[in-house]
Protein backbone atom coordinates (compact mmCIF):
# COMPACT_ATOMS: atom_id res chain seq x y z
CA MET A 1 -67.57 -4.51 -71.77
CA TRP A 2 -69.98 -3.29 -73.84
CA LEU A 3 -72.69 -6.05 -72.94
CA LEU A 4 -71.18 -5.41 -69.33
CA LEU A 5 -71.54 -1.56 -69.28
CA TYR A 6 -75.35 -1.86 -71.16
CA VAL A 7 -76.57 -4.07 -67.64
CA LEU A 8 -75.19 -2.10 -65.69
CA TRP A 9 -76.95 0.88 -67.34
CA THR A 10 -79.91 -1.05 -67.48
CA THR A 11 -80.54 -2.28 -63.42
CA ALA A 12 -79.13 1.47 -62.72
CA ARG A 13 -82.69 2.10 -63.61
CA LEU A 14 -84.52 -0.26 -61.98
CA PRO A 15 -86.23 0.49 -58.33
CA TRP A 16 -84.36 0.18 -55.72
CA GLY A 17 -86.05 -1.87 -53.65
CA LEU A 18 -85.59 -4.35 -56.42
CA GLN A 19 -82.45 -3.82 -57.14
CA ARG A 20 -81.30 -4.42 -53.59
CA ALA A 21 -83.50 -7.76 -53.79
CA ILE A 22 -81.01 -8.94 -56.73
CA GLY A 23 -78.12 -7.86 -54.88
CA ALA A 24 -78.31 -9.92 -51.86
CA PRO A 25 -78.27 -12.77 -53.76
CA LEU A 26 -75.59 -11.67 -56.16
CA GLY A 27 -73.24 -10.90 -53.28
CA ALA A 28 -74.20 -14.74 -51.67
CA LEU A 29 -73.39 -15.48 -55.32
CA LEU A 30 -70.03 -13.64 -55.59
CA LYS A 31 -68.82 -15.15 -52.35
CA PHE A 32 -68.90 -18.93 -53.86
CA ALA A 33 -67.64 -17.44 -57.64
CA LEU A 34 -65.18 -15.72 -55.90
CA PRO A 35 -62.74 -18.37 -53.86
CA ASP A 36 -59.66 -16.12 -53.59
CA ARG A 37 -61.60 -12.73 -52.04
CA ARG A 38 -63.67 -14.97 -50.15
CA LYS A 39 -60.24 -17.03 -48.77
CA ALA A 40 -59.03 -13.39 -48.47
CA ALA A 41 -61.88 -11.87 -46.34
CA ARG A 42 -62.40 -15.04 -43.85
CA ARG A 43 -58.50 -14.10 -42.60
CA ASN A 44 -58.63 -10.19 -42.49
CA LEU A 45 -61.17 -10.83 -40.35
CA GLU A 46 -59.63 -13.29 -38.68
CA LEU A 47 -56.67 -11.18 -38.02
CA ALA A 48 -58.97 -8.02 -37.35
CA PHE A 49 -61.52 -9.71 -35.02
CA PRO A 50 -59.21 -12.80 -33.33
CA ALA A 51 -61.46 -13.02 -30.71
CA MET A 52 -64.75 -13.16 -32.21
CA PRO A 53 -66.04 -16.85 -32.77
CA LEU A 54 -66.17 -18.35 -35.75
CA PRO A 55 -69.45 -18.07 -36.33
CA GLN A 56 -69.97 -14.47 -36.04
CA ARG A 57 -66.72 -13.89 -37.55
CA GLU A 58 -68.81 -15.96 -40.76
CA ALA A 59 -71.88 -14.47 -40.59
CA LEU A 60 -69.75 -10.90 -40.79
CA LEU A 61 -68.44 -12.68 -44.11
CA ASP A 62 -72.20 -13.55 -45.19
CA ASP A 63 -73.03 -10.07 -44.39
CA SER A 64 -69.78 -8.38 -46.36
CA PHE A 65 -70.73 -10.60 -49.55
CA ARG A 66 -74.33 -9.48 -49.37
CA ASP A 67 -73.49 -5.74 -49.23
CA LEU A 68 -70.66 -6.51 -52.50
CA GLY A 69 -73.99 -7.30 -54.52
CA ILE A 70 -75.85 -4.05 -53.01
CA GLY A 71 -73.04 -2.20 -54.03
CA LEU A 72 -72.50 -2.99 -57.22
CA PHE A 73 -76.27 -1.38 -57.90
CA GLU A 74 -75.63 1.08 -56.38
CA PHE A 75 -72.34 1.91 -58.22
CA ALA A 76 -74.74 1.54 -61.17
CA ARG A 77 -76.79 4.10 -59.16
CA ALA A 78 -74.78 6.51 -58.95
CA TRP A 79 -73.24 6.50 -62.52
CA TRP A 80 -76.40 6.06 -64.49
CA GLY A 81 -79.65 6.03 -62.11
CA ASP A 82 -81.89 8.50 -61.16
CA VAL A 83 -81.08 9.33 -57.61
């Protein structure tokens, strides 16, 4: 727990561009590391946008996980970084 807090505290001090550069691939990694979340998100998109073609929904899913990775850095920055 303390190690995780230290990592968040440290990453909050990285430049914003670097946080985004790390956060985007982290989100892509989380997409594969969290299969239950991926399945739930895919189903939610299917229910919310039934007429949307599958490739567009998959692109939206990818964007959502990318933004999740970036959001982790935003959370850390809000708590411990210079805003």
